[in-house]
Amino acid sequence: MNFTWIEHFGGDREQELFELYRQEWWTRDRSFEDVAHMLKHSDIVLGCCTDGDRLIGFARALTDFTFKALIFDVIVHADFRGAGVGKVIVERIIGLPSLARVSSFELYCPERLVPFYEKLGFAEGSAKLLFHQR
């Protein structure tokens, strides 16, 4: 499968991403305005499109471009799961030239996805992840 990559979202692409978010239990409550705001303030945004220019996957990262990059919101449209799209998206982010100096890529995921990310070189860390949520 051939993909087209986009690193900027605007106009109809924001709406496409919002629709992708609405399909997932962990992102379906996000408002369009918040998704648009997030896109403007994330360091890296990456969309994966089919040859027909349909957005089928997405991920983003927050980073200092030197020591750490935290990967968020790895989403693959349900129709394309199991075809290696998620793997290609994560590998694409890790391989971005702008992130070449980053020494630690981190993410968090549900327990059921740990084996998927372990195959991509991620391992459980020794630090405890703490949250302060509003």
C-alpha atoms as a PDB file:
ATOM      1  CA  MET A   1       0.000   0.000   0.000  1.00  0.00           C
ATOM      2  CA  ASN A   2       1.334   3.418  -0.960  1.00  0.00           C
ATOM      3  CA  PHE A   3       0.781   6.398   1.304  1.00  0.00           C
ATOM      4  CA  THR A   4       0.854  10.151   1.026  1.00  0.00           C
ATOM      5  CA  TRP A   5       2.103  11.977   4.113  1.00  0.00           C
ATOM      6  CA  ILE A   6       0.895  15.325   5.378  1.00  0.00           C
ATOM      7  CA  GLU A   7       2.536  17.392   8.088  1.00  0.00           C
ATOM      8  CA  HIS A   8       0.166  20.359   8.046  1.00  0.00           C
ATOM      9  CA  PHE A   9      -3.555  20.342   8.682  1.00  0.00           C
ATOM     10  CA  GLY A  10      -6.004  23.022   7.735  1.00  0.00           C
ATOM     11  CA  GLY A  11      -9.451  23.408   6.260  1.00  0.00           C
ATOM     12  CA  ASP A  12     -11.011  20.074   5.325  1.00  0.00           C
ATOM     13  CA  ARG A  13      -8.087  18.124   6.827  1.00  0.00           C
ATOM     14  CA  GLU A  14      -9.027  19.343  10.311  1.00  0.00           C
ATOM     15  CA  GLN A  15     -12.546  18.031   9.764  1.00  0.00           C
ATOM     16  CA  GLU A  16     -11.215  14.698   8.478  1.00  0.00           C
ATOM     17  CA  LEU A  17      -9.080  14.317  11.591  1.00  0.00           C
ATOM     18  CA  PHE A  18     -11.997  15.270  13.808  1.00  0.00           C
ATOM     19  CA  GLU A  19     -14.068  12.505  12.177  1.00  0.00           C
ATOM     20  CA  LEU A  20     -11.231  10.029  12.760  1.00  0.00           C
ATOM     21  CA  TYR A  21     -11.139  11.082  16.427  1.00  0.00           C
ATOM     22  CA  ARG A  22     -14.896  10.608  16.759  1.00  0.00           C
ATOM     23  CA  GLN A  23     -14.481   6.905  15.945  1.00  0.00           C
ATOM     24  CA  GLU A  24     -12.269   6.141  18.971  1.00  0.00           C
ATOM     25  CA  TRP A  25     -13.432   5.698  22.567  1.00  0.00           C
ATOM     26  CA  TRP A  26     -10.514   7.709  23.933  1.00  0.00           C
ATOM     27  CA  THR A  27     -10.901  10.705  21.597  1.00  0.00           C
ATOM     28  CA  ARG A  28     -14.604  10.841  20.745  1.00  0.00           C
ATOM     29  CA  ASP A  29     -15.410  13.497  23.354  1.00  0.00           C
ATOM     30  CA  ARG A  30     -12.959  16.017  21.928  1.00  0.00           C
ATOM     31  CA  SER A  31     -14.568  19.065  20.352  1.00  0.00           C
ATOM     32  CA  PHE A  32     -13.698  20.282  16.865  1.00  0.00           C
ATOM     33  CA  GLU A  33     -12.383  23.535  18.340  1.00  0.00           C
ATOM     34  CA  ASP A  34     -10.060  21.657  20.708  1.00  0.00           C
ATOM     35  CA  VAL A  35      -8.759  19.426  17.902  1.00  0.00           C
ATOM     36  CA  ALA A  36      -8.052  22.485  15.731  1.00  0.00           C
ATOM     37  CA  HIS A  37      -6.280  24.181  18.665  1.00  0.00           C
ATOM     38  CA  MET A  38      -4.239  21.025  19.366  1.00  0.00           C
ATOM     39  CA  LEU A  39      -3.100  20.879  15.735  1.00  0.00           C
ATOM     40  CA  LYS A  40      -1.772  24.433  15.911  1.00  0.00           C
ATOM     41  CA  HIS A  41       0.149  23.792  19.131  1.00  0.00           C
ATOM     42  CA  SER A  42       1.678  20.346  18.596  1.00  0.00           C
ATOM     43  CA  ASP A  43       5.320  20.275  17.556  1.00  0.00           C
ATOM     44  CA  ILE A  44       4.838  17.445  15.041  1.00  0.00           C
ATOM     45  CA  VAL A  45       1.606  16.349  13.350  1.00  0.00           C
ATOM     46  CA  LEU A  46       1.585  13.542  10.818  1.00  0.00           C
ATOM     47  CA  GLY A  47      -1.264  12.310   8.677  1.00  0.00           C
ATOM     48  CA  CYS A  48      -1.268   9.176   6.575  1.00  0.00           C
ATOM     49  CA  CYS A  49      -3.450   9.214   3.456  1.00  0.00           C
ATOM     50  CA  THR A  50      -4.330   6.606   0.865  1.00  0.00           C
ATOM     51  CA  ASP A  51      -3.555   7.114  -2.803  1.00  0.00           C
ATOM     52  CA  GLY A  52      -7.086   8.479  -3.037  1.00  0.00           C
ATOM     53  CA  ASP A  53      -6.109  11.171  -0.523  1.00  0.00           C
ATOM     54  CA  ARG A  54      -8.294   9.805   2.289  1.00  0.00           C
ATOM     55  CA  LEU A  55      -6.914  10.385   5.808  1.00  0.00           C
ATOM     56  CA  ILE A  56      -6.551   6.914   7.338  1.00  0.00           C
ATOM     57  CA  GLY A  57      -4.048   7.507  10.127  1.00  0.00           C
ATOM     58  CA  PHE A  58      -2.601  10.147  12.385  1.00  0.00           C
ATOM     59  CA  ALA A  59      -0.101  10.719  15.171  1.00  0.00           C
ATOM     60  CA  ARG A  60       1.496  13.715  16.799  1.00  0.00           C
ATOM     61  CA  ALA A  61       4.455  14.453  19.037  1.00  0.00           C
ATOM     62  CA  LEU A  62       5.495  17.010  21.606  1.00  0.00           C
ATOM     63  CA  THR A  63       9.242  17.426  21.772  1.00  0.00           C
ATOM     64  CA  ASP A  64      12.293  19.496  22.667  1.00  0.00           C
ATOM     65  CA  PHE A  65      13.938  18.159  19.464  1.00  0.00           C
ATOM     66  CA  THR A  66      16.957  16.982  21.494  1.00  0.00           C
ATOM     67  CA  PHE A  67      16.278  14.722  24.443  1.00  0.00           C
ATOM     68  CA  LYS A  68      12.623  13.694  24.394  1.00  0.00           C
ATOM     69  CA  ALA A  69       9.676  13.257  22.087  1.00  0.00           C
ATOM     70  CA  LEU A  70       6.342  12.126  23.454  1.00  0.00           C
ATOM     71  CA  ILE A  71       4.133  10.493  20.826  1.00  0.00           C
ATOM     72  CA  PHE A  72       0.377  10.953  21.153  1.00  0.00           C
ATOM     73  CA  ASP A  73      -2.832   9.997  19.393  1.00  0.00           C
ATOM     74  CA  VAL A  74      -1.659   7.186  17.135  1.00  0.00           C
ATOM     75  CA  ILE A  75      -4.917   6.471  15.312  1.00  0.00           C
ATOM     76  CA  VAL A  76      -5.622   4.183  12.368  1.00  0.00           C
ATOM     77  CA  HIS A  77      -9.037   4.092  10.714  1.00  0.00           C
ATOM     78  CA  ALA A  78     -10.800   0.821  11.566  1.00  0.00           C
ATOM     79  CA  ASP A  79     -10.956  -0.187   7.877  1.00  0.00           C
ATOM     80  CA  PHE A  80      -7.143  -0.178   7.677  1.00  0.00           C
ATOM     81  CA  ARG A  81      -6.115  -1.835  10.947  1.00  0.00           C
ATOM     82  CA  GLY A  82      -3.959  -4.909  10.684  1.00  0.00           C
ATOM     83  CA  ALA A  83      -2.370  -3.683   7.439  1.00  0.00           C
ATOM     84  CA  GLY A  84       0.750  -2.189   9.051  1.00  0.00           C
ATOM     85  CA  VAL A  85      -0.419   1.434   8.938  1.00  0.00           C
ATOM     86  CA  GLY A  86       0.200   2.082  12.650  1.00  0.00           C
ATOM     87  CA  LYS A  87       3.705   0.634  12.389  1.00  0.00           C
ATOM     88  CA  VAL A  88       4.510   2.831   9.387  1.00  0.00           C
ATOM     89  CA  ILE A  89       3.178   5.945  11.152  1.00  0.00           C
ATOM     90  CA  VAL A  90       5.276   5.384  14.289  1.00  0.00           C
ATOM     91  CA  GLU A  91       8.382   4.546  12.254  1.00  0.00           C
ATOM     92  CA  ARG A  92       7.832   7.667  10.138  1.00  0.00           C
ATOM     93  CA  ILE A  93       7.685   9.900  13.223  1.00  0.00           C
ATOM     94  CA  ILE A  94      10.807   8.334  14.738  1.00  0.00           C
ATOM     95  CA  GLY A  95      12.611   8.725  11.414  1.00  0.00           C
ATOM     96  CA  LEU A  96      11.748  12.389  10.802  1.00  0.00           C
ATOM     97  CA  PRO A  97      14.921  14.400  10.145  1.00  0.00           C
ATOM     98  CA  SER A  98      13.732  17.086  12.589  1.00  0.00           C
ATOM     99  CA  LEU A  99      13.809  14.443  15.350  1.00  0.00           C
ATOM    100  CA  ALA A 100      17.208  12.949  14.478  1.00  0.00           C
ATOM    101  CA  ARG A 101      18.809  14.280  17.695  1.00  0.00           C
ATOM    102  CA  VAL A 102      16.063  12.943  19.972  1.00  0.00           C
ATOM    103  CA  SER A 103      17.403  10.211  22.226  1.00  0.00           C
ATOM    104  CA  SER A 104      14.168   9.075  23.893  1.00  0.00           C
ATOM    105  CA  PHE A 105      10.789   8.518  22.265  1.00  0.00           C
ATOM    106  CA  GLU A 106       7.994   7.866  24.731  1.00  0.00           C
ATOM    107  CA  LEU A 107       4.304   7.099  24.609  1.00  0.00           C
ATOM    108  CA  TYR A 108       1.603   5.627  26.703  1.00  0.00           C
ATOM    109  CA  CYS A 109      -0.986   3.160  25.561  1.00  0.00           C
ATOM    110  CA  PRO A 110      -3.551   0.677  26.835  1.00  0.00           C
ATOM    111  CA  GLU A 111      -2.115  -2.591  28.130  1.00  0.00           C
ATOM    112  CA  ARG A 112      -3.476  -4.490  25.117  1.00  0.00           C
ATOM    113  CA  LEU A 113      -1.264  -2.434  22.751  1.00  0.00           C
ATOM    114  CA  VAL A 114       1.997  -2.977  24.646  1.00  0.00           C
ATOM    115  CA  PRO A 115       2.991  -5.975  22.445  1.00  0.00           C
ATOM    116  CA  PHE A 116       2.433  -3.861  19.305  1.00  0.00           C
ATOM    117  CA  TYR A 117       4.742  -1.104  20.536  1.00  0.00           C
ATOM    118  CA  GLU A 118       7.319  -3.559  21.881  1.00  0.00           C
ATOM    119  CA  LYS A 119       7.710  -4.879  18.321  1.00  0.00           C
ATOM    120  CA  LEU A 120       8.618  -1.306  17.339  1.00  0.00           C
ATOM    121  CA  GLY A 121      11.368  -1.110  19.957  1.00  0.00           C
ATOM    122  CA  PHE A 122       9.461   0.423  22.876  1.00  0.00           C
ATOM    123  CA  ALA A 123       9.905  -1.053  26.346  1.00  0.00           C
ATOM    124  CA  GLU A 124       8.346  -0.390  29.709  1.00  0.00           C
ATOM    125  CA  GLY A 125      10.352   2.259  31.494  1.00  0.00           C
ATOM    126  CA  SER A 126      11.596   2.295  35.026  1.00  0.00           C
ATOM    127  CA  ALA A 127       9.863   5.574  35.872  1.00  0.00           C
ATOM    128  CA  LYS A 128       6.293   5.841  37.073  1.00  0.00           C
ATOM    129  CA  LEU A 129       3.967   7.968  34.947  1.00  0.00           C
ATOM    130  CA  LEU A 130       1.962  10.409  37.058  1.00  0.00           C
ATOM    131  CA  PHE A 131      -1.044  12.465  36.016  1.00  0.00           C
ATOM    132  CA  HIS A 132      -2.631  15.679  37.190  1.00  0.00           C
ATOM    133  CA  GLN A 133      -5.839  16.080  35.235  1.00  0.00           C
ATOM    134  CA  ARG A 134      -8.382  18.891  35.234  1.00  0.00           C
END
